[in-house]
């Protein structure tokens, strides 16, 4: 790519990570390489196994625990892992390792105060001209939205969770 852009997938609807992974899948079909850095995620989601078949093109690295982060009192380990994810993202940008870099759930990491919006702005400033950068997660800050070239807000109109349907393997995890 000559010019990579900044995309944000946010909102309270389902599909933000799925959209980012779909973009990575499409790019793999064109021989492009993607790195997905997952903030706050340590659970064994289906995409971890699926991308093994495309390991030459798509890599997913998790920087979270296999438990949920508590917004009012995040554990020191949650903060430490988020900082590690930021450092990994910086390194991927500086080395220009991939064509597409996905920072999955980084907006939530900011909202939960694991990382600061200033640190995210610094990442945006580091983005190489030719790299596509995708930021996902609810609660995208106004600063990130302003800097983005594309913002998609997923809106939940109806969700089966409200009817008592739990998360399902292969669909939500």
Protein backbone atom coordinates (compact mmCIF):
# COMPACT_ATOMS: atom_id res chain seq x y z
CA UNK A 1 0.00 0.00 0.00
CA UNK A 2 1.19 3.46 -0.74
CA UNK A 3 -1.01 5.11 1.86
CA UNK A 4 -2.31 3.32 4.92
CA UNK A 5 -5.24 4.80 6.79
CA UNK A 6 -6.58 4.70 10.34
CA UNK A 7 -9.84 2.85 10.91
CA UNK A 8 -11.90 2.68 14.11
CA UNK A 9 -14.59 0.10 14.85
CA UNK A 10 -16.48 1.12 17.98
CA UNK A 11 -19.95 1.13 19.54
CA UNK A 12 -21.97 -1.22 21.71
CA UNK A 13 -22.94 -3.61 18.93
CA UNK A 14 -21.42 -6.98 18.10
CA UNK A 15 -18.83 -7.33 15.35
CA UNK A 16 -15.91 -4.97 15.94
CA UNK A 17 -13.21 -7.63 16.26
CA UNK A 18 -14.94 -9.71 13.60
CA UNK A 19 -14.79 -6.80 11.16
CA UNK A 20 -11.09 -6.27 11.85
CA UNK A 21 -10.37 -9.99 11.37
CA UNK A 22 -12.38 -9.99 8.16
CA UNK A 23 -10.19 -7.19 6.85
CA UNK A 24 -7.09 -9.23 7.75
CA UNK A 25 -8.55 -12.23 5.94
CA UNK A 26 -9.22 -10.15 2.83
CA UNK A 27 -5.69 -8.74 2.96
CA UNK A 28 -4.21 -12.25 3.30
CA UNK A 29 -5.91 -13.11 0.02
CA UNK A 30 -3.81 -10.34 -1.55
CA UNK A 31 -0.57 -11.51 0.04
CA UNK A 32 -0.55 -8.83 2.75
CA UNK A 33 0.57 -9.45 6.32
CA UNK A 34 -1.43 -8.52 9.42
CA UNK A 35 -0.71 -8.46 13.13
CA UNK A 36 -3.58 -8.40 15.62
CA UNK A 37 -2.57 -7.27 19.11
CA UNK A 38 -5.38 -8.07 21.52
CA UNK A 39 -5.61 -5.85 24.59
CA UNK A 40 -7.42 -7.31 27.61
CA UNK A 41 -7.97 -10.68 25.91
CA UNK A 42 -6.44 -13.92 27.11
CA UNK A 43 -9.32 -16.29 26.50
CA UNK A 44 -9.04 -19.00 23.86
CA UNK A 45 -11.20 -17.54 21.11
CA UNK A 46 -11.87 -19.48 17.91
CA UNK A 47 -9.89 -17.08 15.77
CA UNK A 48 -6.66 -18.18 17.49
CA UNK A 49 -6.98 -21.66 16.00
CA UNK A 50 -8.36 -20.44 12.68
CA UNK A 51 -5.46 -18.15 11.82
CA UNK A 52 -2.95 -20.97 12.25
CA UNK A 53 -3.81 -21.98 8.69
CA UNK A 54 -2.87 -18.47 7.57
CA UNK A 55 0.15 -18.07 9.87
CA UNK A 56 2.28 -16.70 7.03
CA UNK A 57 -0.15 -13.78 6.72
CA UNK A 58 -2.02 -13.25 10.00
CA UNK A 59 -0.69 -13.37 13.55
CA UNK A 60 -2.69 -12.79 16.73
CA UNK A 61 -0.94 -11.96 19.98
CA UNK A 62 -2.89 -11.74 23.23
CA UNK A 63 -1.87 -9.39 26.02
CA UNK A 64 -4.60 -10.08 28.55
CA UNK A 65 -5.49 -12.49 31.28
CA UNK A 66 -8.15 -15.15 30.79
CA UNK A 67 -10.44 -13.24 33.15
CA UNK A 68 -12.37 -10.01 32.78
CA UNK A 69 -10.87 -6.69 33.81
CA UNK A 70 -12.70 -4.77 36.54
CA UNK A 71 -13.17 -1.16 35.47
CA UNK A 72 -13.17 0.23 39.00
CA UNK A 73 -10.05 -1.63 40.09
CA UNK A 74 -7.96 -3.15 37.30
CA UNK A 75 -5.26 -5.48 38.54
CA UNK A 76 -1.62 -4.43 38.26
CA UNK A 77 -1.13 -7.39 35.91
CA UNK A 78 -3.86 -6.06 33.59
CA UNK A 79 -2.11 -2.69 33.40
CA UNK A 80 1.29 -4.30 32.89
CA UNK A 81 0.03 -6.46 30.02
CA UNK A 82 -1.63 -3.48 28.36
CA UNK A 83 1.67 -1.58 28.54
CA UNK A 84 3.41 -4.62 27.00
CA UNK A 85 0.85 -4.57 24.18
CA UNK A 86 1.58 -0.88 23.57
CA UNK A 87 5.30 -1.60 23.44
CA UNK A 88 4.72 -4.44 20.97
CA UNK A 89 2.62 -2.14 18.79
CA UNK A 90 5.36 0.50 18.84
CA UNK A 91 7.92 -2.10 17.80
CA UNK A 92 5.74 -3.41 14.96
CA UNK A 93 5.33 0.13 13.66
CA UNK A 94 8.98 1.10 13.99
CA UNK A 95 10.11 -2.08 12.23
CA UNK A 96 7.25 -1.85 9.72
CA UNK A 97 6.65 -5.57 10.27
CA UNK A 98 3.22 -5.79 8.68
CA UNK A 99 0.88 -4.11 6.23
CA UNK A 100 -2.04 -4.04 8.69
CA UNK A 101 -1.86 -3.59 12.45
CA UNK A 102 -4.99 -4.21 14.50
CA UNK A 103 -5.10 -2.93 18.07
CA UNK A 104 -8.05 -4.99 19.25
CA UNK A 105 -9.93 -3.57 22.27
CA UNK A 106 -7.51 -0.67 22.67
CA UNK A 107 -10.44 1.74 23.02
CA UNK A 108 -11.69 -0.26 26.01
CA UNK A 109 -8.17 -0.36 27.46
CA UNK A 110 -8.20 3.45 27.42
CA UNK A 111 -11.68 3.60 28.95
CA UNK A 112 -10.59 1.19 31.73
CA UNK A 113 -7.48 3.35 32.30
CA UNK A 114 -5.00 0.58 31.45
CA UNK A 115 -3.40 2.90 28.90
CA UNK A 116 -3.86 6.61 28.30
CA UNK A 117 -5.30 8.40 25.32
CA UNK A 118 -1.96 10.23 25.11
CA UNK A 119 -0.19 6.89 24.61
CA UNK A 120 -2.63 6.02 21.85
CA UNK A 121 -2.05 9.41 20.20
CA UNK A 122 1.69 8.70 20.30
CA UNK A 123 1.03 5.40 18.49
CA UNK A 124 -1.03 7.19 15.85
CA UNK A 125 1.90 9.58 15.34
CA UNK A 126 4.26 6.62 14.85
CA UNK A 127 2.13 4.94 12.16
CA UNK A 128 4.19 4.39 9.03
CA UNK A 129 2.74 5.98 5.91
CA UNK A 130 2.09 2.63 4.23
CA UNK A 131 0.60 0.78 7.24
CA UNK A 132 -3.15 0.39 7.77
CA UNK A 133 -4.03 0.80 11.45
CA UNK A 134 -7.26 -0.56 12.94
CA UNK A 135 -8.42 0.32 16.48
CA UNK A 136 -11.35 -1.62 17.91
CA UNK A 137 -13.46 -1.57 21.02
CA UNK A 138 -16.30 0.30 22.62
CA UNK A 139 -15.81 3.80 23.97
CA UNK A 140 -13.49 5.22 21.30
CA UNK A 141 -12.29 8.58 22.59
CA UNK A 142 -13.11 11.78 20.71
CA UNK A 143 -9.38 12.25 20.05
CA UNK A 144 -9.09 8.86 18.35
CA UNK A 145 -12.28 9.41 16.36
CA UNK A 146 -10.95 12.79 15.20
CA UNK A 147 -7.67 11.30 14.00
CA UNK A 148 -9.29 8.36 12.18
CA UNK A 149 -9.95 8.26 8.45
CA UNK A 150 -12.88 5.87 8.89
CA UNK A 151 -15.09 5.33 11.93
CA UNK A 152 -17.74 2.63 12.05
CA UNK A 153 -20.02 2.60 15.07
CA UNK A 154 -21.64 -0.79 15.64
CA UNK A 155 -25.10 -0.25 17.10
CA UNK A 156 -26.92 -2.95 19.02
CA UNK A 157 -30.55 -2.97 17.93
CA UNK A 158 -31.37 -6.39 19.37
CA UNK A 159 -29.17 -9.02 21.00
CA UNK A 160 -29.94 -12.60 21.96
CA UNK A 161 -27.93 -12.22 25.18
CA UNK A 162 -30.92 -10.22 26.45
CA UNK A 163 -33.06 -13.34 25.94
CA UNK A 164 -30.63 -15.45 27.98
CA UNK A 165 -28.57 -16.98 25.16
CA UNK A 166 -24.99 -17.36 26.47
CA UNK A 167 -21.81 -16.80 24.45
CA UNK A 168 -21.40 -19.61 21.91
CA UNK A 169 -18.19 -21.21 20.68
CA UNK A 170 -17.50 -20.26 17.09
CA UNK A 171 -19.83 -17.26 17.22
CA UNK A 172 -18.80 -15.10 20.19
CA UNK A 173 -15.66 -16.90 21.24
